[in-house]
Amino acid sequence: PVSDTLRATGVTEIIGNWLSLTAASLPPWG
């Protein structure tokens, strides 16, 4: 239940948005 708080509080969504923004500036292999 402690680990699931990342999903329940929306932290994983923040991580996903950050990944999308970061990966957009990288070459495909990056």
PDB file of all heavy atoms in Angstrom:
ATOM      1  N   PRO A   1       0.812  -1.233   0.000  1.00  0.00           N
ATOM      2  CA  PRO A   1       0.000   0.000   0.000  1.00  0.00           C
ATOM      3  C   PRO A   1       0.838   1.272   0.000  1.00  0.00           C
ATOM      4  O   PRO A   1       0.419   2.291  -0.558  1.00  0.00           O
ATOM      5  CB  PRO A   1      -0.836  -0.122   1.284  1.00  0.00           C
ATOM      6  CG  PRO A   1      -0.120  -1.104   2.133  1.00  0.00           C
ATOM      7  CD  PRO A   1       0.569  -2.052   1.208  1.00  0.00           C
ATOM      8  N   VAL A   2       2.052   1.212   0.590  1.00  0.00           N
ATOM      9  CA  VAL A   2       2.919   2.396   0.586  1.00  0.00           C
ATOM     10  C   VAL A   2       3.372   2.705  -0.833  1.00  0.00           C
ATOM     11  O   VAL A   2       3.345   3.855  -1.289  1.00  0.00           O
ATOM     12  CB  VAL A   2       4.135   2.171   1.509  1.00  0.00           C
ATOM     13  CG1 VAL A   2       5.104   3.343   1.409  1.00  0.00           C
ATOM     14  CG2 VAL A   2       3.688   1.988   2.952  1.00  0.00           C
ATOM     15  N   SER A   3       3.802   1.678  -1.568  1.00  0.00           N
ATOM     16  CA  SER A   3       4.260   1.883  -2.943  1.00  0.00           C
ATOM     17  C   SER A   3       3.131   2.367  -3.847  1.00  0.00           C
ATOM     18  O   SER A   3       3.354   3.151  -4.770  1.00  0.00           O
ATOM     19  CB  SER A   3       4.840   0.583  -3.492  1.00  0.00           C
ATOM     20  OG  SER A   3       5.957   0.175  -2.737  1.00  0.00           O
ATOM     21  N   ASP A   4       1.918   1.914  -3.584  1.00  0.00           N
ATOM     22  CA  ASP A   4       0.782   2.274  -4.440  1.00  0.00           C
ATOM     23  C   ASP A   4       0.401   3.742  -4.301  1.00  0.00           C
ATOM     24  O   ASP A   4      -0.356   4.269  -5.136  1.00  0.00           O
ATOM     25  CB  ASP A   4      -0.414   1.388  -4.097  1.00  0.00           C
ATOM     26  CG  ASP A   4      -1.533   1.503  -5.119  1.00  0.00           C
ATOM     27  OD1 ASP A   4      -1.238   1.351  -6.323  1.00  0.00           O
ATOM     28  OD2 ASP A   4      -2.685   1.761  -4.726  1.00  0.00           O
ATOM     29  N   THR A   5       0.922   4.411  -3.281  1.00  0.00           N
ATOM     30  CA  THR A   5       0.601   5.839  -3.131  1.00  0.00           C
ATOM     31  C   THR A   5       1.167   6.663  -4.289  1.00  0.00           C
ATOM     32  O   THR A   5       0.651   7.747  -4.587  1.00  0.00           O
ATOM     33  CB  THR A   5       1.152   6.395  -1.804  1.00  0.00           C
ATOM     34  OG1 THR A   5       2.585   6.236  -1.771  1.00  0.00           O
ATOM     35  CG2 THR A   5       0.533   5.667  -0.617  1.00  0.00           C
ATOM     36  N   LEU A   6       2.219   6.180  -4.959  1.00  0.00           N
ATOM     37  CA  LEU A   6       2.734   6.893  -6.131  1.00  0.00           C
ATOM     38  C   LEU A   6       1.665   7.008  -7.209  1.00  0.00           C
ATOM     39  O   LEU A   6       1.509   8.047  -7.849  1.00  0.00           O
ATOM     40  CB  LEU A   6       3.959   6.161  -6.692  1.00  0.00           C
ATOM     41  CG  LEU A   6       5.260   6.236  -5.894  1.00  0.00           C
ATOM     42  CD1 LEU A   6       6.327   5.382  -6.555  1.00  0.00           C
ATOM     43  CD2 LEU A   6       5.739   7.676  -5.763  1.00  0.00           C
ATOM     44  N   ARG A   7       0.933   5.919  -7.412  1.00  0.00           N
ATOM     45  CA  ARG A   7      -0.138   5.932  -8.408  1.00  0.00           C
ATOM     46  C   ARG A   7      -1.357   6.685  -7.898  1.00  0.00           C
ATOM     47  O   ARG A   7      -1.940   7.521  -8.608  1.00  0.00           O
ATOM     48  CB  ARG A   7      -0.525   4.503  -8.773  1.00  0.00           C
ATOM     49  CG  ARG A   7      -1.648   4.390  -9.796  1.00  0.00           C
ATOM     50  CD  ARG A   7      -2.279   3.016  -9.768  1.00  0.00           C
ATOM     51  NE  ARG A   7      -2.787   2.663  -8.450  1.00  0.00           N
ATOM     52  CZ  ARG A   7      -3.962   3.101  -7.961  1.00  0.00           C
ATOM     53  NH1 ARG A   7      -4.728   3.906  -8.690  1.00  0.00           N
ATOM     54  NH2 ARG A   7      -4.350   2.738  -6.763  1.00  0.00           N
ATOM     55  N   ALA A   8      -1.729   6.411  -6.645  1.00  0.00           N
ATOM     56  CA  ALA A   8      -2.961   6.985  -6.099  1.00  0.00           C
ATOM     57  C   ALA A   8      -2.903   8.508  -6.002  1.00  0.00           C
ATOM     58  O   ALA A   8      -3.922   9.191  -6.178  1.00  0.00           O
ATOM     59  CB  ALA A   8      -3.255   6.377  -4.726  1.00  0.00           C
ATOM     60  N   THR A   9      -1.732   9.056  -5.718  1.00  0.00           N
ATOM     61  CA  THR A   9      -1.608  10.513  -5.569  1.00  0.00           C
ATOM     62  C   THR A   9      -1.273  11.209  -6.890  1.00  0.00           C
ATOM     63  O   THR A   9      -1.216  12.446  -6.928  1.00  0.00           O
ATOM     64  CB  THR A   9      -0.519  10.854  -4.535  1.00  0.00           C
ATOM     65  OG1 THR A   9       0.739  10.310  -4.981  1.00  0.00           O
ATOM     66  CG2 THR A   9      -0.879  10.291  -3.171  1.00  0.00           C
ATOM     67  N   GLY A  10      -1.033  10.440  -7.953  1.00  0.00           N
ATOM     68  CA  GLY A  10      -0.754  11.046  -9.247  1.00  0.00           C
ATOM     69  C   GLY A  10       0.706  11.304  -9.535  1.00  0.00           C
ATOM     70  O   GLY A  10       1.033  11.958 -10.542  1.00  0.00           O
ATOM     71  N   VAL A  11       1.612  10.790  -8.705  1.00  0.00           N
ATOM     72  CA  VAL A  11       3.042  10.991  -8.950  1.00  0.00           C
ATOM     73  C   VAL A  11       3.468  10.306 -10.249  1.00  0.00           C
ATOM     74  O   VAL A  11       4.286  10.841 -11.004  1.00  0.00           O
ATOM     75  CB  VAL A  11       3.876  10.457  -7.760  1.00  0.00           C
ATOM     76  CG1 VAL A  11       5.372  10.523  -8.080  1.00  0.00           C
ATOM     77  CG2 VAL A  11       3.579  11.270  -6.512  1.00  0.00           C
ATOM     78  N   THR A  12       2.899   9.140 -10.532  1.00  0.00           N
ATOM     79  CA  THR A  12       3.276   8.439 -11.758  1.00  0.00           C
ATOM     80  C   THR A  12       2.859   9.241 -12.997  1.00  0.00           C
ATOM     81  O   THR A  12       3.546   9.217 -14.027  1.00  0.00           O
ATOM     82  CB  THR A  12       2.613   7.047 -11.817  1.00  0.00           C
ATOM     83  OG1 THR A  12       1.203   7.187 -11.622  1.00  0.00           O
ATOM     84  CG2 THR A  12       3.195   6.140 -10.755  1.00  0.00           C
ATOM     85  N   GLU A  13       1.760   9.976 -12.914  1.00  0.00           N
ATOM     86  CA  GLU A  13       1.328  10.806 -14.039  1.00  0.00           C
ATOM     87  C   GLU A  13       2.307  11.946 -14.279  1.00  0.00           C
ATOM     88  O   GLU A  13       2.619  12.288 -15.427  1.00  0.00           O
ATOM     89  CB  GLU A  13      -0.070  11.352 -13.758  1.00  0.00           C
ATOM     90  CG  GLU A  13      -0.670  12.120 -14.928  1.00  0.00           C
ATOM     91  CD  GLU A  13      -2.091  12.576 -14.638  1.00  0.00           C
ATOM     92  OE1 GLU A  13      -2.671  12.079 -13.646  1.00  0.00           O
ATOM     93  OE2 GLU A  13      -2.606  13.408 -15.390  1.00  0.00           O
ATOM     94  N   ILE A  14       2.818  12.506 -13.188  1.00  0.00           N
ATOM     95  CA  ILE A  14       3.823  13.561 -13.314  1.00  0.00           C
ATOM     96  C   ILE A  14       5.079  13.012 -13.987  1.00  0.00           C
ATOM     97  O   ILE A  14       5.671  13.655 -14.866  1.00  0.00           O
ATOM     98  CB  ILE A  14       4.164  14.147 -11.924  1.00  0.00           C
ATOM     99  CG1 ILE A  14       2.951  14.882 -11.358  1.00  0.00           C
ATOM    100  CG2 ILE A  14       5.363  15.078 -12.007  1.00  0.00           C
ATOM    101  CD1 ILE A  14       3.158  15.404  -9.947  1.00  0.00           C
ATOM    102  N   ILE A  15       5.481  11.811 -13.568  1.00  0.00           N
ATOM    103  CA  ILE A  15       6.661  11.182 -14.170  1.00  0.00           C
ATOM    104  C   ILE A  15       6.438  10.963 -15.666  1.00  0.00           C
ATOM    105  O   ILE A  15       7.332  11.201 -16.490  1.00  0.00           O
ATOM    106  CB  ILE A  15       6.964   9.847 -13.467  1.00  0.00           C
ATOM    107  CG1 ILE A  15       7.371  10.092 -12.004  1.00  0.00           C
ATOM    108  CG2 ILE A  15       8.072   9.080 -14.194  1.00  0.00           C
ATOM    109  CD1 ILE A  15       7.523   8.818 -11.189  1.00  0.00           C
ATOM    110  N   GLY A  16       5.245  10.502 -16.028  1.00  0.00           N
ATOM    111  CA  GLY A  16       4.939  10.258 -17.431  1.00  0.00           C
ATOM    112  C   GLY A  16       5.007  11.529 -18.265  1.00  0.00           C
ATOM    113  O   GLY A  16       5.558  11.537 -19.380  1.00  0.00           O
ATOM    114  N   ASN A  17       4.451  12.621 -17.747  1.00  0.00           N
ATOM    115  CA  ASN A  17       4.501  13.890 -18.479  1.00  0.00           C
ATOM    116  C   ASN A  17       5.935  14.370 -18.646  1.00  0.00           C
ATOM    117  O   ASN A  17       6.315  14.880 -19.711  1.00  0.00           O
ATOM    118  CB  ASN A  17       3.675  14.951 -17.747  1.00  0.00           C
ATOM    119  CG  ASN A  17       2.191  14.629 -17.762  1.00  0.00           C
ATOM    120  OD1 ASN A  17       1.702  13.939 -18.660  1.00  0.00           O
ATOM    121  ND2 ASN A  17       1.457  15.118 -16.770  1.00  0.00           N
ATOM    122  N   TRP A  18       6.727  14.201 -17.607  1.00  0.00           N
ATOM    123  CA  TRP A  18       8.131  14.628 -17.691  1.00  0.00           C
ATOM    124  C   TRP A  18       8.887  13.806 -18.728  1.00  0.00           C
ATOM    125  O   TRP A  18       9.692  14.343 -19.498  1.00  0.00           O
ATOM    126  CB  TRP A  18       8.784  14.469 -16.313  1.00  0.00           C
ATOM    127  CG  TRP A  18      10.258  14.770 -16.340  1.00  0.00           C
ATOM    128  CD1 TRP A  18      10.857  15.989 -16.272  1.00  0.00           C
ATOM    129  CD2 TRP A  18      11.322  13.810 -16.459  1.00  0.00           C
ATOM    130  NE1 TRP A  18      12.223  15.858 -16.346  1.00  0.00           N
ATOM    131  CE2 TRP A  18      12.533  14.531 -16.458  1.00  0.00           C
ATOM    132  CE3 TRP A  18      11.354  12.421 -16.561  1.00  0.00           C
ATOM    133  CZ2 TRP A  18      13.775  13.903 -16.561  1.00  0.00           C
ATOM    134  CZ3 TRP A  18      12.575  11.801 -16.660  1.00  0.00           C
ATOM    135  CH2 TRP A  18      13.777  12.518 -16.659  1.00  0.00           C
ATOM    136  N   LEU A  19       8.604  12.515 -18.774  1.00  0.00           N
ATOM    137  CA  LEU A  19       9.266  11.656 -19.755  1.00  0.00           C
ATOM    138  C   LEU A  19       8.912  12.080 -21.179  1.00  0.00           C
ATOM    139  O   LEU A  19       9.780  12.114 -22.065  1.00  0.00           O
ATOM    140  CB  LEU A  19       8.869  10.196 -19.541  1.00  0.00           C
ATOM    141  CG  LEU A  19       9.544   9.456 -18.401  1.00  0.00           C
ATOM    142  CD1 LEU A  19       8.937   8.066 -18.248  1.00  0.00           C
ATOM    143  CD2 LEU A  19      11.043   9.338 -18.658  1.00  0.00           C
ATOM    144  N   SER A  20       7.651  12.370 -21.403  1.00  0.00           N
ATOM    145  CA  SER A  20       7.231  12.764 -22.742  1.00  0.00           C
ATOM    146  C   SER A  20       7.935  14.042 -23.184  1.00  0.00           C
ATOM    147  O   SER A  20       8.393  14.158 -24.331  1.00  0.00           O
ATOM    148  CB  SER A  20       5.715  12.962 -22.786  1.00  0.00           C
ATOM    149  OG  SER A  20       5.050  11.745 -22.525  1.00  0.00           O
ATOM    150  N   LEU A  21       8.046  15.016 -22.283  1.00  0.00           N
ATOM    151  CA  LEU A  21       8.702  16.278 -22.633  1.00  0.00           C
ATOM    152  C   LEU A  21      10.195  16.077 -22.875  1.00  0.00           C
ATOM    153  O   LEU A  21      10.776  16.638 -23.805  1.00  0.00           O
ATOM    154  CB  LEU A  21       8.485  17.296 -21.502  1.00  0.00           C
ATOM    155  CG  LEU A  21       7.054  17.802 -21.315  1.00  0.00           C
ATOM    156  CD1 LEU A  21       6.950  18.665 -20.067  1.00  0.00           C
ATOM    157  CD2 LEU A  21       6.589  18.577 -22.548  1.00  0.00           C
ATOM    158  N   THR A  22      10.825  15.247 -22.028  1.00  0.00           N
ATOM    159  CA  THR A  22      12.263  15.029 -22.152  1.00  0.00           C
ATOM    160  C   THR A  22      12.605  14.229 -23.395  1.00  0.00           C
ATOM    161  O   THR A  22      13.547  14.550 -24.132  1.00  0.00           O
ATOM    162  CB  THR A  22      12.804  14.296 -20.907  1.00  0.00           C
ATOM    163  OG1 THR A  22      12.448  15.041 -19.741  1.00  0.00           O
ATOM    164  CG2 THR A  22      14.315  14.148 -20.986  1.00  0.00           C
ATOM    165  N   ALA A  23      11.842  13.160 -23.643  1.00  0.00           N
ATOM    166  CA  ALA A  23      12.152  12.282 -24.765  1.00  0.00           C
ATOM    167  C   ALA A  23      11.949  12.966 -26.107  1.00  0.00           C
ATOM    168  O   ALA A  23      12.575  12.594 -27.103  1.00  0.00           O
ATOM    169  CB  ALA A  23      11.282  11.027 -24.688  1.00  0.00           C
ATOM    170  N   ALA A  24      11.084  13.982 -26.146  1.00  0.00           N
ATOM    171  CA  ALA A  24      10.812  14.655 -27.414  1.00  0.00           C
ATOM    172  C   ALA A  24      12.041  15.345 -27.972  1.00  0.00           C
ATOM    173  O   ALA A  24      12.158  15.558 -29.183  1.00  0.00           O
ATOM    174  CB  ALA A  24       9.679  15.662 -27.228  1.00  0.00           C
ATOM    175  N   SER A  25      12.982  15.701 -27.113  1.00  0.00           N
ATOM    176  CA  SER A  25      14.188  16.407 -27.560  1.00  0.00           C
ATOM    177  C   SER A  25      15.355  15.472 -27.826  1.00  0.00           C
ATOM    178  O   SER A  25      16.455  15.928 -28.124  1.00  0.00           O
ATOM    179  CB  SER A  25      14.598  17.446 -26.502  1.00  0.00           C
ATOM    180  OG  SER A  25      14.880  16.798 -25.265  1.00  0.00           O
ATOM    181  N   LEU A  26      15.140  14.152 -27.711  1.00  0.00           N
ATOM    182  CA  LEU A  26      16.223  13.187 -27.867  1.00  0.00           C
ATOM    183  C   LEU A  26      16.129  12.471 -29.208  1.00  0.00           C
ATOM    184  O   LEU A  26      15.044  12.360 -29.790  1.00  0.00           O
ATOM    185  CB  LEU A  26      16.156  12.143 -26.734  1.00  0.00           C
ATOM    186  CG  LEU A  26      16.360  12.652 -25.312  1.00  0.00           C
ATOM    187  CD1 LEU A  26      16.126  11.510 -24.316  1.00  0.00           C
ATOM    188  CD2 LEU A  26      17.757  13.222 -25.125  1.00  0.00           C
ATOM    189  N   PRO A  27      17.255  11.948 -29.703  1.00  0.00           N
ATOM    190  CA  PRO A  27      17.208  11.085 -30.886  1.00  0.00           C
ATOM    191  C   PRO A  27      16.499   9.782 -30.535  1.00  0.00           C
ATOM    192  O   PRO A  27      16.324   9.464 -29.348  1.00  0.00           O
ATOM    193  CB  PRO A  27      18.682  10.856 -31.222  1.00  0.00           C
ATOM    194  CG  PRO A  27      19.396  11.070 -29.929  1.00  0.00           C
ATOM    195  CD  PRO A  27      18.621  12.135 -29.210  1.00  0.00           C
ATOM    196  N   PRO A  28      16.083   8.991 -31.532  1.00  0.00           N
ATOM    197  CA  PRO A  28      15.337   7.763 -31.233  1.00  0.00           C
ATOM    198  C   PRO A  28      16.043   6.838 -30.254  1.00  0.00           C
ATOM    199  O   PRO A  28      15.398   6.304 -29.344  1.00  0.00           O
ATOM    200  CB  PRO A  28      15.190   7.121 -32.615  1.00  0.00           C
ATOM    201  CG  PRO A  28      15.179   8.276 -33.561  1.00  0.00           C
ATOM    202  CD  PRO A  28      16.146   9.278 -32.969  1.00  0.00           C
ATOM    203  N   TRP A  29      17.353   6.639 -30.416  1.00  0.00           N
ATOM    204  CA  TRP A  29      18.038   5.720 -29.502  1.00  0.00           C
ATOM    205  C   TRP A  29      18.040   6.277 -28.083  1.00  0.00           C
ATOM    206  O   TRP A  29      17.939   5.522 -27.105  1.00  0.00           O
ATOM    207  CB  TRP A  29      19.471   5.452 -29.980  1.00  0.00           C
ATOM    208  CG  TRP A  29      20.397   6.649 -29.920  1.00  0.00           C
ATOM    209  CD1 TRP A  29      20.684   7.518 -30.929  1.00  0.00           C
ATOM    210  CD2 TRP A  29      21.140   7.109 -28.775  1.00  0.00           C
ATOM    211  NE1 TRP A  29      21.555   8.496 -30.511  1.00  0.00           N
ATOM    212  CE2 TRP A  29      21.859   8.254 -29.180  1.00  0.00           C
ATOM    213  CE3 TRP A  29      21.267   6.668 -27.468  1.00  0.00           C
ATOM    214  CZ2 TRP A  29      22.695   8.977 -28.328  1.00  0.00           C
ATOM    215  CZ3 TRP A  29      22.096   7.375 -26.596  1.00  0.00           C
ATOM    216  CH2 TRP A  29      22.804   8.503 -27.028  1.00  0.00           C
ATOM    217  N   GLY A  30      18.155   7.603 -27.944  1.00  0.00           N
ATOM    218  CA  GLY A  30      18.111   8.213 -26.619  1.00  0.00           C
ATOM    219  C   GLY A  30      16.748   8.086 -25.983  1.00  0.00           C
ATOM    220  O   GLY A  30      16.620   7.871 -24.769  1.00  0.00           O
TER     221      GLY A  30
END
